[in-house]
C-alpha atoms as a PDB file:
ATOM      1  CA  UNK A   1     -33.291  -6.953  22.732  1.00  0.00           C
ATOM      2  CA  UNK A   2     -30.545  -6.089  20.250  1.00  0.00           C
ATOM      3  CA  UNK A   3     -28.347  -8.976  21.451  1.00  0.00           C
ATOM      4  CA  UNK A   4     -31.266 -11.391  21.556  1.00  0.00           C
ATOM      5  CA  UNK A   5     -32.236 -10.662  17.964  1.00  0.00           C
ATOM      6  CA  UNK A   6     -28.739 -10.995  16.591  1.00  0.00           C
ATOM      7  CA  UNK A   7     -28.015 -14.205  18.473  1.00  0.00           C
ATOM      8  CA  UNK A   8     -31.177 -15.866  17.180  1.00  0.00           C
ATOM      9  CA  UNK A   9     -30.965 -14.593  13.597  1.00  0.00           C
ATOM     10  CA  UNK A  10     -29.217 -17.719  12.288  1.00  0.00           C
ATOM     11  CA  UNK A  11     -31.793 -20.187  13.565  1.00  0.00           C
ATOM     12  CA  UNK A  12     -34.572 -17.940  12.260  1.00  0.00           C
ATOM     13  CA  UNK A  13     -33.316 -18.683   8.755  1.00  0.00           C
ATOM     14  CA  UNK A  14     -31.369 -15.446   8.363  1.00  0.00           C
ATOM     15  CA  UNK A  15     -27.776 -15.304   7.286  1.00  0.00           C
ATOM     16  CA  UNK A  16     -27.417 -11.913   8.965  1.00  0.00           C
ATOM     17  CA  UNK A  17     -24.236 -10.942   7.112  1.00  0.00           C
ATOM     18  CA  UNK A  18     -25.921 -11.762   3.797  1.00  0.00           C
ATOM     19  CA  UNK A  19     -29.070  -9.893   4.856  1.00  0.00           C
ATOM     20  CA  UNK A  20     -27.061  -6.770   5.724  1.00  0.00           C
ATOM     21  CA  UNK A  21     -25.180  -6.983   2.423  1.00  0.00           C
ATOM     22  CA  UNK A  22     -28.370  -7.258   0.402  1.00  0.00           C
ATOM     23  CA  UNK A  23     -29.938  -4.410   2.342  1.00  0.00           C
ATOM     24  CA  UNK A  24     -27.036  -2.116   1.486  1.00  0.00           C
ATOM     25  CA  UNK A  25     -26.974  -3.234  -2.142  1.00  0.00           C
ATOM     26  CA  UNK A  26     -30.669  -2.466  -2.466  1.00  0.00           C
ATOM     27  CA  UNK A  27     -30.244   1.001  -0.969  1.00  0.00           C
ATOM     28  CA  UNK A  28     -27.440   1.838  -3.402  1.00  0.00           C
ATOM     29  CA  UNK A  29     -29.012   0.594  -6.647  1.00  0.00           C
ATOM     30  CA  UNK A  30     -28.755   3.397  -9.203  1.00  0.00           C
ATOM     31  CA  UNK A  31     -27.581   5.930  -6.617  1.00  0.00           C
ATOM     32  CA  UNK A  32     -25.204   8.742  -7.471  1.00  0.00           C
ATOM     33  CA  UNK A  33     -21.988   9.103  -5.498  1.00  0.00           C
ATOM     34  CA  UNK A  34     -23.262  12.032  -3.431  1.00  0.00           C
ATOM     35  CA  UNK A  35     -26.141   9.917  -2.091  1.00  0.00           C
ATOM     36  CA  UNK A  36     -24.124   6.861  -1.099  1.00  0.00           C
ATOM     37  CA  UNK A  37     -23.222   8.067   2.377  1.00  0.00           C
ATOM     38  CA  UNK A  38     -26.651   9.380   3.484  1.00  0.00           C
ATOM     39  CA  UNK A  39     -28.330   6.265   2.059  1.00  0.00           C
ATOM     40  CA  UNK A  40     -26.138   3.802   3.910  1.00  0.00           C
ATOM     41  CA  UNK A  41     -24.978   5.367   7.181  1.00  0.00           C
ATOM     42  CA  UNK A  42     -28.230   4.699   9.060  1.00  0.00           C
ATOM     43  CA  UNK A  43     -28.310   1.108   7.802  1.00  0.00           C
ATOM     44  CA  UNK A  44     -24.722   0.386   8.835  1.00  0.00           C
ATOM     45  CA  UNK A  45     -25.214   2.116  12.208  1.00  0.00           C
ATOM     46  CA  UNK A  46     -26.989  -1.023  13.345  1.00  0.00           C
ATOM     47  CA  UNK A  47     -30.512  -1.916  14.308  1.00  0.00           C
ATOM     48  CA  UNK A  48     -32.365  -4.706  16.014  1.00  0.00           C
ATOM     49  CA  UNK A  49     -33.797  -6.169  12.787  1.00  0.00           C
ATOM     50  CA  UNK A  50     -36.847  -7.267  14.769  1.00  0.00           C
ATOM     51  CA  UNK A  51     -39.199  -6.826  11.836  1.00  0.00           C
ATOM     52  CA  UNK A  52     -37.266  -9.083   9.436  1.00  0.00           C
ATOM     53  CA  UNK A  53     -37.057 -11.661  12.206  1.00  0.00           C
ATOM     54  CA  UNK A  54     -40.839 -11.606  12.519  1.00  0.00           C
ATOM     55  CA  UNK A  55     -41.206 -12.123   8.775  1.00  0.00           C
ATOM     56  CA  UNK A  56     -38.970 -15.188   8.868  1.00  0.00           C
ATOM     57  CA  UNK A  57     -40.325 -16.648  12.110  1.00  0.00           C
ATOM     58  CA  UNK A  58     -43.987 -16.536  11.094  1.00  0.00           C
ATOM     59  CA  UNK A  59     -43.235 -17.620   7.538  1.00  0.00           C
ATOM     60  CA  UNK A  60     -41.235 -20.658   8.677  1.00  0.00           C
ATOM     61  CA  UNK A  61     -43.687 -21.504  11.468  1.00  0.00           C
ATOM     62  CA  UNK A  62     -46.481 -22.214   8.969  1.00  0.00           C
ATOM     63  CA  UNK A  63     -44.579 -22.874   5.747  1.00  0.00           C
ATOM     64  CA  UNK A  64     -41.381 -24.679   6.670  1.00  0.00           C
ATOM     65  CA  UNK A  65     -38.022 -23.981   5.031  1.00  0.00           C
ATOM     66  CA  UNK A  66     -38.623 -24.553   1.314  1.00  0.00           C
ATOM     67  CA  UNK A  67     -36.264 -22.645  -1.017  1.00  0.00           C
ATOM     68  CA  UNK A  68     -39.126 -20.959  -2.860  1.00  0.00           C
ATOM     69  CA  UNK A  69     -40.491 -19.784   0.459  1.00  0.00           C
ATOM     70  CA  UNK A  70     -37.079 -18.503   1.554  1.00  0.00           C
ATOM     71  CA  UNK A  71     -36.694 -16.432  -1.611  1.00  0.00           C
ATOM     72  CA  UNK A  72     -40.019 -14.685  -1.043  1.00  0.00           C
ATOM     73  CA  UNK A  73     -39.356 -14.199   2.666  1.00  0.00           C
ATOM     74  CA  UNK A  74     -36.003 -12.588   1.815  1.00  0.00           C
ATOM     75  CA  UNK A  75     -37.742 -10.034  -0.393  1.00  0.00           C
ATOM     76  CA  UNK A  76     -40.449  -9.253   2.164  1.00  0.00           C
ATOM     77  CA  UNK A  77     -37.929  -9.016   5.010  1.00  0.00           C
ATOM     78  CA  UNK A  78     -35.840  -6.461   3.111  1.00  0.00           C
ATOM     79  CA  UNK A  79     -39.004  -4.549   2.176  1.00  0.00           C
ATOM     80  CA  UNK A  80     -40.027  -4.349   5.831  1.00  0.00           C
ATOM     81  CA  UNK A  81     -36.644  -3.082   6.957  1.00  0.00           C
ATOM     82  CA  UNK A  82     -36.565  -0.501   4.157  1.00  0.00           C
ATOM     83  CA  UNK A  83     -39.966   0.817   5.195  1.00  0.00           C
ATOM     84  CA  UNK A  84     -38.963   0.888   8.852  1.00  0.00           C
ATOM     85  CA  UNK A  85     -35.787   2.824   8.055  1.00  0.00           C
ATOM     86  CA  UNK A  86     -37.767   5.308   5.961  1.00  0.00           C
ATOM     87  CA  UNK A  87     -40.020   6.038   8.928  1.00  0.00           C
ATOM     88  CA  UNK A  88     -36.985   6.669  11.141  1.00  0.00           C
ATOM     89  CA  UNK A  89     -35.514   9.201   8.706  1.00  0.00           C
ATOM     90  CA  UNK A  90     -38.830  11.000   8.281  1.00  0.00           C
ATOM     91  CA  UNK A  91     -39.585  10.927  12.031  1.00  0.00           C
ATOM     92  CA  UNK A  92     -36.219  12.499  12.810  1.00  0.00           C
ATOM     93  CA  UNK A  93     -36.819  15.149  10.186  1.00  0.00           C
ATOM     94  CA  UNK A  94     -40.278  16.008  11.527  1.00  0.00           C
ATOM     95  CA  UNK A  95     -39.113  16.002  15.161  1.00  0.00           C
ATOM     96  CA  UNK A  96     -35.900  17.869  14.337  1.00  0.00           C
ATOM     97  CA  UNK A  97     -34.040  15.161  16.247  1.00  0.00           C
ATOM     98  CA  UNK A  98     -30.328  15.601  16.797  1.00  0.00           C
ATOM     99  CA  UNK A  99     -29.185  11.976  16.812  1.00  0.00           C
ATOM    100  CA  UNK A 100     -30.165   8.460  15.787  1.00  0.00           C
ATOM    101  CA  UNK A 101     -28.319   5.287  16.851  1.00  0.00           C
ATOM    102  CA  UNK A 102     -25.571   7.335  18.437  1.00  0.00           C
ATOM    103  CA  UNK A 103     -24.747   9.452  15.408  1.00  0.00           C
ATOM    104  CA  UNK A 104     -26.132  12.680  13.882  1.00  0.00           C
ATOM    105  CA  UNK A 105     -29.559  12.261  12.323  1.00  0.00           C
ATOM    106  CA  UNK A 106     -29.535  12.254   8.508  1.00  0.00           C
ATOM    107  CA  UNK A 107     -31.065  15.728   8.215  1.00  0.00           C
ATOM    108  CA  UNK A 108     -28.514  17.160  10.682  1.00  0.00           C
ATOM    109  CA  UNK A 109     -25.562  15.847   8.701  1.00  0.00           C
ATOM    110  CA  UNK A 110     -26.844  16.184   5.142  1.00  0.00           C
ATOM    111  CA  UNK A 111     -29.722  18.676   5.218  1.00  0.00           C
ATOM    112  CA  UNK A 112     -33.499  18.435   5.254  1.00  0.00           C
ATOM    113  CA  UNK A 113     -33.919  18.023   1.503  1.00  0.00           C
ATOM    114  CA  UNK A 114     -31.498  15.100   1.334  1.00  0.00           C
ATOM    115  CA  UNK A 115     -33.139  13.435   4.354  1.00  0.00           C
ATOM    116  CA  UNK A 116     -36.569  13.718   2.747  1.00  0.00           C
ATOM    117  CA  UNK A 117     -35.288  12.167  -0.478  1.00  0.00           C
ATOM    118  CA  UNK A 118     -33.424   9.399   1.371  1.00  0.00           C
ATOM    119  CA  UNK A 119     -36.615   8.444   3.212  1.00  0.00           C
ATOM    120  CA  UNK A 120     -38.550   8.471  -0.056  1.00  0.00           C
ATOM    121  CA  UNK A 121     -35.939   6.246  -1.700  1.00  0.00           C
ATOM    122  CA  UNK A 122     -36.261   3.711   1.116  1.00  0.00           C
ATOM    123  CA  UNK A 123     -40.028   3.629   0.557  1.00  0.00           C
ATOM    124  CA  UNK A 124     -39.450   3.108  -3.168  1.00  0.00           C
ATOM    125  CA  UNK A 125     -37.073   0.210  -2.498  1.00  0.00           C
ATOM    126  CA  UNK A 126     -39.694  -1.315  -0.205  1.00  0.00           C
ATOM    127  CA  UNK A 127     -42.101  -1.313  -3.138  1.00  0.00           C
ATOM    128  CA  UNK A 128     -39.562  -2.925  -5.447  1.00  0.00           C
ATOM    129  CA  UNK A 129     -38.969  -5.832  -3.076  1.00  0.00           C
ATOM    130  CA  UNK A 130     -42.686  -6.337  -2.469  1.00  0.00           C
ATOM    131  CA  UNK A 131     -43.222  -6.517  -6.231  1.00  0.00           C
ATOM    132  CA  UNK A 132     -40.492  -9.143  -6.504  1.00  0.00           C
ATOM    133  CA  UNK A 133     -42.078 -11.218  -3.732  1.00  0.00           C
ATOM    134  CA  UNK A 134     -45.378 -11.163  -5.650  1.00  0.00           C
ATOM    135  CA  UNK A 135     -47.527 -11.885  -2.584  1.00  0.00           C
ATOM    136  CA  UNK A 136     -50.406  -9.376  -2.729  1.00  0.00           C
ATOM    137  CA  UNK A 137     -51.489 -10.003   0.865  1.00  0.00           C
ATOM    138  CA  UNK A 138     -47.984  -9.143   2.100  1.00  0.00           C
ATOM    139  CA  UNK A 139     -47.923  -5.928   0.071  1.00  0.00           C
ATOM    140  CA  UNK A 140     -51.355  -4.957   1.406  1.00  0.00           C
ATOM    141  CA  UNK A 141     -50.102  -5.420   4.963  1.00  0.00           C
ATOM    142  CA  UNK A 142     -47.065  -3.174   4.527  1.00  0.00           C
ATOM    143  CA  UNK A 143     -48.840  -0.374   2.686  1.00  0.00           C
ATOM    144  CA  UNK A 144     -51.678  -0.538   5.215  1.00  0.00           C
ATOM    145  CA  UNK A 145     -49.124  -0.226   7.999  1.00  0.00           C
ATOM    146  CA  UNK A 146     -47.642   2.869   6.354  1.00  0.00           C
ATOM    147  CA  UNK A 147     -51.123   4.402   6.281  1.00  0.00           C
ATOM    148  CA  UNK A 148     -51.537   3.755  10.021  1.00  0.00           C
ATOM    149  CA  UNK A 149     -48.048   5.018  10.845  1.00  0.00           C
ATOM    150  CA  UNK A 150     -48.762   8.335   9.124  1.00  0.00           C
ATOM    151  CA  UNK A 151     -52.077   8.654  10.951  1.00  0.00           C
ATOM    152  CA  UNK A 152     -50.310   7.905  14.221  1.00  0.00           C
ATOM    153  CA  UNK A 153     -47.741  10.605  13.520  1.00  0.00           C
ATOM    154  CA  UNK A 154     -50.517  13.109  12.838  1.00  0.00           C
ATOM    155  CA  UNK A 155     -52.212  12.138  16.110  1.00  0.00           C
ATOM    156  CA  UNK A 156     -48.937  12.496  17.995  1.00  0.00           C
ATOM    157  CA  UNK A 157     -48.326  15.934  16.541  1.00  0.00           C
ATOM    158  CA  UNK A 158     -51.737  16.982  17.814  1.00  0.00           C
ATOM    159  CA  UNK A 159     -50.712  15.999  21.358  1.00  0.00           C
ATOM    160  CA  UNK A 160     -47.333  17.747  21.549  1.00  0.00           C
ATOM    161  CA  UNK A 161     -46.595  18.757  25.172  1.00  0.00           C
ATOM    162  CA  UNK A 162     -50.190  17.753  26.023  1.00  0.00           C
ATOM    163  CA  UNK A 163     -50.325  16.429  29.591  1.00  0.00           C
ATOM    164  CA  UNK A 164     -54.110  16.209  29.383  1.00  0.00           C
ATOM    165  CA  UNK A 165     -53.995  13.237  27.032  1.00  0.00           C
ATOM    166  CA  UNK A 166     -54.971   9.870  28.494  1.00  0.00           C
ATOM    167  CA  UNK A 167     -53.175   6.572  28.607  1.00  0.00           C
ATOM    168  CA  UNK A 168     -55.687   5.378  26.009  1.00  0.00           C
ATOM    169  CA  UNK A 169     -54.686   8.225  23.671  1.00  0.00           C
ATOM    170  CA  UNK A 170     -51.050   7.230  24.099  1.00  0.00           C
ATOM    171  CA  UNK A 171     -51.726   3.530  23.492  1.00  0.00           C
ATOM    172  CA  UNK A 172     -53.668   4.257  20.302  1.00  0.00           C
ATOM    173  CA  UNK A 173     -50.787   6.364  18.994  1.00  0.00           C
ATOM    174  CA  UNK A 174     -48.122   3.725  19.659  1.00  0.00           C
ATOM    175  CA  UNK A 175     -50.314   0.971  18.253  1.00  0.00           C
ATOM    176  CA  UNK A 176     -50.331   2.956  15.028  1.00  0.00           C
ATOM    177  CA  UNK A 177     -46.755   4.247  15.038  1.00  0.00           C
ATOM    178  CA  UNK A 178     -44.925   1.189  16.396  1.00  0.00           C
ATOM    179  CA  UNK A 179     -47.133  -1.888  16.554  1.00  0.00           C
ATOM    180  CA  UNK A 180     -48.601  -1.536  13.064  1.00  0.00           C
ATOM    181  CA  UNK A 181     -45.352  -2.334  11.245  1.00  0.00           C
ATOM    182  CA  UNK A 182     -44.626  -5.247  13.599  1.00  0.00           C
ATOM    183  CA  UNK A 183     -48.102  -6.547  12.794  1.00  0.00           C
ATOM    184  CA  UNK A 184     -47.514  -6.095   9.088  1.00  0.00           C
ATOM    185  CA  UNK A 185     -44.169  -7.935   9.246  1.00  0.00           C
ATOM    186  CA  UNK A 186     -45.742 -10.844  11.139  1.00  0.00           C
ATOM    187  CA  UNK A 187     -48.833 -11.199   8.974  1.00  0.00           C
ATOM    188  CA  UNK A 188     -46.852 -10.672   5.754  1.00  0.00           C
ATOM    189  CA  UNK A 189     -44.488 -13.486   6.706  1.00  0.00           C
ATOM    190  CA  UNK A 190     -47.467 -15.644   7.564  1.00  0.00           C
ATOM    191  CA  UNK A 191     -49.066 -14.856   4.184  1.00  0.00           C
ATOM    192  CA  UNK A 192     -45.891 -15.919   2.366  1.00  0.00           C
ATOM    193  CA  UNK A 193     -45.902 -19.171   4.340  1.00  0.00           C
ATOM    194  CA  UNK A 194     -49.541 -19.882   3.559  1.00  0.00           C
ATOM    195  CA  UNK A 195     -51.146 -19.227   6.942  1.00  0.00           C
ATOM    196  CA  UNK A 196     -54.909 -19.080   7.394  1.00  0.00           C
ATOM    197  CA  UNK A 197     -57.173 -16.279   8.676  1.00  0.00           C
ATOM    198  CA  UNK A 198     -57.258 -17.541  12.268  1.00  0.00           C
ATOM    199  CA  UNK A 199     -53.471 -17.658  12.347  1.00  0.00           C
ATOM    200  CA  UNK A 200     -53.291 -14.162  10.848  1.00  0.00           C
ATOM    201  CA  UNK A 201     -55.519 -12.844  13.644  1.00  0.00           C
ATOM    202  CA  UNK A 202     -53.284 -14.507  16.247  1.00  0.00           C
ATOM    203  CA  UNK A 203     -50.119 -13.150  14.599  1.00  0.00           C
ATOM    204  CA  UNK A 204     -51.651  -9.683  14.555  1.00  0.00           C
ATOM    205  CA  UNK A 205     -52.541  -9.920  18.252  1.00  0.00           C
ATOM    206  CA  UNK A 206     -49.046 -11.118  19.127  1.00  0.00           C
ATOM    207  CA  UNK A 207     -47.360  -8.299  17.223  1.00  0.00           C
ATOM    208  CA  UNK A 208     -49.731  -5.653  18.554  1.00  0.00           C
ATOM    209  CA  UNK A 209     -48.940  -6.577  22.150  1.00  0.00           C
ATOM    210  CA  UNK A 210     -45.246  -6.938  21.302  1.00  0.00           C
ATOM    211  CA  UNK A 211     -45.249  -3.454  19.797  1.00  0.00           C
ATOM    212  CA  UNK A 212     -46.929  -1.901  22.809  1.00  0.00           C
ATOM    213  CA  UNK A 213     -44.519  -3.624  25.203  1.00  0.00           C
ATOM    214  CA  UNK A 214     -41.526  -2.596  23.119  1.00  0.00           C
ATOM    215  CA  UNK A 215     -42.564   1.046  22.854  1.00  0.00           C
ATOM    216  CA  UNK A 216     -43.490   1.393  26.523  1.00  0.00           C
ATOM    217  CA  UNK A 217     -40.091   0.014  27.559  1.00  0.00           C
ATOM    218  CA  UNK A 218     -38.371   2.277  25.030  1.00  0.00           C
ATOM    219  CA  UNK A 219     -40.246   5.270  26.422  1.00  0.00           C
ATOM    220  CA  UNK A 220     -39.284   4.283  29.967  1.00  0.00           C
ATOM    221  CA  UNK A 221     -35.629   4.138  28.959  1.00  0.00           C
ATOM    222  CA  UNK A 222     -35.886   7.721  27.741  1.00  0.00           C
ATOM    223  CA  UNK A 223     -36.341   8.675  31.401  1.00  0.00           C
ATOM    224  CA  UNK A 224     -34.380   5.966  33.193  1.00  0.00           C
ATOM    225  CA  UNK A 225     -31.474   5.263  30.846  1.00  0.00           C
ATOM    226  CA  UNK A 226     -28.271   7.091  30.004  1.00  0.00           C
ATOM    227  CA  UNK A 227     -27.311   8.962  26.841  1.00  0.00           C
ATOM    228  CA  UNK A 228     -24.743   6.279  25.993  1.00  0.00           C
ATOM    229  CA  UNK A 229     -27.331   3.514  26.249  1.00  0.00           C
ATOM    230  CA  UNK A 230     -29.944   5.385  24.260  1.00  0.00           C
ATOM    231  CA  UNK A 231     -27.787   6.885  21.526  1.00  0.00           C
ATOM    232  CA  UNK A 232     -29.614  10.165  22.162  1.00  0.00           C
ATOM    233  CA  UNK A 233     -30.018  12.572  25.104  1.00  0.00           C
ATOM    234  CA  UNK A 234     -32.037  11.427  28.145  1.00  0.00           C
ATOM    235  CA  UNK A 235     -35.454  13.081  28.102  1.00  0.00           C
ATOM    236  CA  UNK A 236     -35.272  13.531  24.356  1.00  0.00           C
ATOM    237  CA  UNK A 237     -38.940  12.595  23.819  1.00  0.00           C
ATOM    238  CA  UNK A 238     -40.364  15.451  25.839  1.00  0.00           C
ATOM    239  CA  UNK A 239     -37.742  17.825  24.474  1.00  0.00           C
ATOM    240  CA  UNK A 240     -39.314  17.062  21.076  1.00  0.00           C
ATOM    241  CA  UNK A 241     -42.806  17.482  22.524  1.00  0.00           C
ATOM    242  CA  UNK A 242     -43.672  13.787  22.684  1.00  0.00           C
ATOM    243  CA  UNK A 243     -45.614  12.964  25.843  1.00  0.00           C
ATOM    244  CA  UNK A 244     -45.267   9.252  26.637  1.00  0.00           C
ATOM    245  CA  UNK A 245     -46.731   6.943  29.268  1.00  0.00           C
ATOM    246  CA  UNK A 246     -44.154   7.630  32.029  1.00  0.00           C
ATOM    247  CA  UNK A 247     -44.887  11.358  31.880  1.00  0.00           C
ATOM    248  CA  UNK A 248     -48.664  10.866  31.603  1.00  0.00           C
ATOM    249  CA  UNK A 249     -48.596   8.694  34.740  1.00  0.00           C
ATOM    250  CA  UNK A 250     -46.153  11.003  36.537  1.00  0.00           C
ATOM    251  CA  UNK A 251     -48.558  13.912  36.045  1.00  0.00           C
ATOM    252  CA  UNK A 252     -51.110  11.912  38.054  1.00  0.00           C
ATOM    253  CA  UNK A 253     -48.845  10.247  40.592  1.00  0.00           C
ATOM    254  CA  UNK A 254     -46.234  12.867  41.440  1.00  0.00           C
ATOM    255  CA  UNK A 255     -46.753  15.234  44.388  1.00  0.00           C
ATOM    256  CA  UNK A 256     -44.680  17.718  42.388  1.00  0.00           C
ATOM    257  CA  UNK A 257     -46.546  20.048  39.952  1.00  0.00           C
ATOM    258  CA  UNK A 258     -45.498  18.313  36.737  1.00  0.00           C
ATOM    259  CA  UNK A 259     -47.313  20.742  34.360  1.00  0.00           C
ATOM    260  CA  UNK A 260     -45.507  23.688  35.960  1.00  0.00           C
ATOM    261  CA  UNK A 261     -42.182  21.839  35.846  1.00  0.00           C
ATOM    262  CA  UNK A 262     -42.722  21.112  32.146  1.00  0.00           C
ATOM    263  CA  UNK A 263     -43.644  24.723  31.390  1.00  0.00           C
ATOM    264  CA  UNK A 264     -40.489  25.939  33.105  1.00  0.00           C
ATOM    265  CA  UNK A 265     -38.388  23.337  31.292  1.00  0.00           C
ATOM    266  CA  UNK A 266     -39.697  24.527  27.937  1.00  0.00           C
ATOM    267  CA  UNK A 267     -38.814  28.118  28.765  1.00  0.00           C
ATOM    268  CA  UNK A 268     -35.256  27.183  29.754  1.00  0.00           C
ATOM    269  CA  UNK A 269     -34.840  24.322  27.251  1.00  0.00           C
ATOM    270  CA  UNK A 270     -33.599  22.180  30.119  1.00  0.00           C
ATOM    271  CA  UNK A 271     -35.637  19.070  30.836  1.00  0.00           C
ATOM    272  CA  UNK A 272     -33.597  17.625  33.699  1.00  0.00           C
ATOM    273  CA  UNK A 273     -36.266  18.540  36.248  1.00  0.00           C
ATOM    274  CA  UNK A 274     -38.938  16.766  34.204  1.00  0.00           C
ATOM    275  CA  UNK A 275     -36.820  13.605  34.041  1.00  0.00           C
ATOM    276  CA  UNK A 276     -36.227  13.776  37.795  1.00  0.00           C
ATOM    277  CA  UNK A 277     -39.940  14.232  38.530  1.00  0.00           C
ATOM    278  CA  UNK A 278     -40.780  11.163  36.461  1.00  0.00           C
ATOM    279  CA  UNK A 279     -38.093   9.072  38.172  1.00  0.00           C
ATOM    280  CA  UNK A 280     -39.367  10.041  41.635  1.00  0.00           C
ATOM    281  CA  UNK A 281     -43.073   9.571  40.893  1.00  0.00           C
ATOM    282  CA  UNK A 282     -43.288   5.789  40.588  1.00  0.00           C
ATOM    283  CA  UNK A 283     -44.425   6.180  36.966  1.00  0.00           C
ATOM    284  CA  UNK A 284     -41.503   4.159  35.619  1.00  0.00           C
ATOM    285  CA  UNK A 285     -42.492   1.112  37.665  1.00  0.00           C
ATOM    286  CA  UNK A 286     -46.170   1.508  36.663  1.00  0.00           C
ATOM    287  CA  UNK A 287     -45.203   1.804  33.011  1.00  0.00           C
ATOM    288  CA  UNK A 288     -43.095  -1.354  33.182  1.00  0.00           C
ATOM    289  CA  UNK A 289     -46.094  -3.161  34.677  1.00  0.00           C
ATOM    290  CA  UNK A 290     -48.001  -2.216  31.523  1.00  0.00           C
ATOM    291  CA  UNK A 291     -45.156  -3.588  29.397  1.00  0.00           C
ATOM    292  CA  UNK A 292     -45.134  -6.810  31.438  1.00  0.00           C
ATOM    293  CA  UNK A 293     -48.854  -7.315  30.844  1.00  0.00           C
ATOM    294  CA  UNK A 294     -48.595  -6.797  27.103  1.00  0.00           C
ATOM    295  CA  UNK A 295     -45.620  -9.167  26.931  1.00  0.00           C
ATOM    296  CA  UNK A 296     -47.706 -11.868  28.592  1.00  0.00           C
ATOM    297  CA  UNK A 297     -50.616 -11.217  26.226  1.00  0.00           C
ATOM    298  CA  UNK A 298     -48.250 -11.528  23.253  1.00  0.00           C
ATOM    299  CA  UNK A 299     -47.097 -14.943  24.462  1.00  0.00           C
ATOM    300  CA  UNK A 300     -50.695 -16.054  25.004  1.00  0.00           C
ATOM    301  CA  UNK A 301     -51.549 -15.195  21.390  1.00  0.00           C
ATOM    302  CA  UNK A 302     -48.969 -17.743  20.203  1.00  0.00           C
ATOM    303  CA  UNK A 303     -51.110 -20.606  21.524  1.00  0.00           C
ATOM    304  CA  UNK A 304     -52.792 -20.597  18.102  1.00  0.00           C
ATOM    305  CA  UNK A 305     -49.590 -22.022  16.599  1.00  0.00           C
ATOM    306  CA  UNK A 306     -47.986 -25.458  16.956  1.00  0.00           C
ATOM    307  CA  UNK A 307     -45.126 -25.974  19.382  1.00  0.00           C
ATOM    308  CA  UNK A 308     -41.683 -25.619  17.887  1.00  0.00           C
ATOM    309  CA  UNK A 309     -38.508 -23.533  17.848  1.00  0.00           C
ATOM    310  CA  UNK A 310     -40.087 -20.585  16.015  1.00  0.00           C
ATOM    311  CA  UNK A 311     -42.936 -20.297  18.492  1.00  0.00           C
ATOM    312  CA  UNK A 312     -40.514 -20.639  21.410  1.00  0.00           C
ATOM    313  CA  UNK A 313     -38.284 -17.913  19.990  1.00  0.00           C
ATOM    314  CA  UNK A 314     -41.219 -15.551  19.475  1.00  0.00           C
ATOM    315  CA  UNK A 315     -42.316 -16.114  23.067  1.00  0.00           C
ATOM    316  CA  UNK A 316     -38.796 -15.481  24.325  1.00  0.00           C
ATOM    317  CA  UNK A 317     -38.622 -12.275  22.283  1.00  0.00           C
ATOM    318  CA  UNK A 318     -41.793 -10.963  23.930  1.00  0.00           C
ATOM    319  CA  UNK A 319     -40.679 -11.941  27.423  1.00  0.00           C
ATOM    320  CA  UNK A 320     -37.262 -10.353  26.911  1.00  0.00           C
ATOM    321  CA  UNK A 321     -38.701  -6.867  26.461  1.00  0.00           C
ATOM    322  CA  UNK A 322     -39.449  -5.885  30.070  1.00  0.00           C
ATOM    323  CA  UNK A 323     -35.923  -6.945  30.996  1.00  0.00           C
ATOM    324  CA  UNK A 324     -34.539  -3.874  29.198  1.00  0.00           C
ATOM    325  CA  UNK A 325     -34.528  -1.945  32.474  1.00  0.00           C
ATOM    326  CA  UNK A 326     -31.908   0.699  33.119  1.00  0.00           C
END
């Protein structure tokens, strides 16, 4: 999806080079020299920029390409990406993750205190850009998403290494942790463009299904991909205690005793056997079926909008997700 997003950024109304420049400038406003590196290294390490794309696509789909609209969409798009980046820094800190985007996580390179402050600064910059946009409905969406993300993180912490959780438990967690910010980006962009309540409901449905599909595929790649592709070790989720759909399904489908394999892996701090059990169980294929279904539901939600390049691009984005198969 990374290539798809960057290829289509220009016709979504984003000058990507200008967007990246403004993102970095915002992060560095008023920063002392010793904070410059930790504040910028995650931003320059790359990213799909899916959430800004959603802001622009939904805003343009209902509001056109007026300059006043573009100015407000720019502010909201940067706010969304700042908030997203803050959640990554804080997630890595909580999970004690080793890497992010192929490089050491912020807390590993600069310490826990600096990572906490960097995440907080990103949240603060999000607020600044939302204030500049001056669209209360957009601000309400982003702060509401942050509320749901935190609740999702709390739920996930309560299910660490828990193979007894259900697929429904998992889906609720990822709807909060992943889909909520995609929803907020979509509905915020729509609010800037002047969309109505029915369109907001359709945008929310689209983004919810998109978020589920994206996260399921991402969780599959943690078992089926390679360290080079992922930018982190294979099996990193379960090493951090995060039980995702492939492992939940493997515990039901595999003839091997997955709970015993997991217990042994935790004792030895070697999760290769868990990864192998998931790969052999058929759970990866079942999980991708779930992603396929949510991708189709995302596309169906777009029927509430008029035909055009933005709608086509949003549909293509959703359908591209299950193709990320290792």
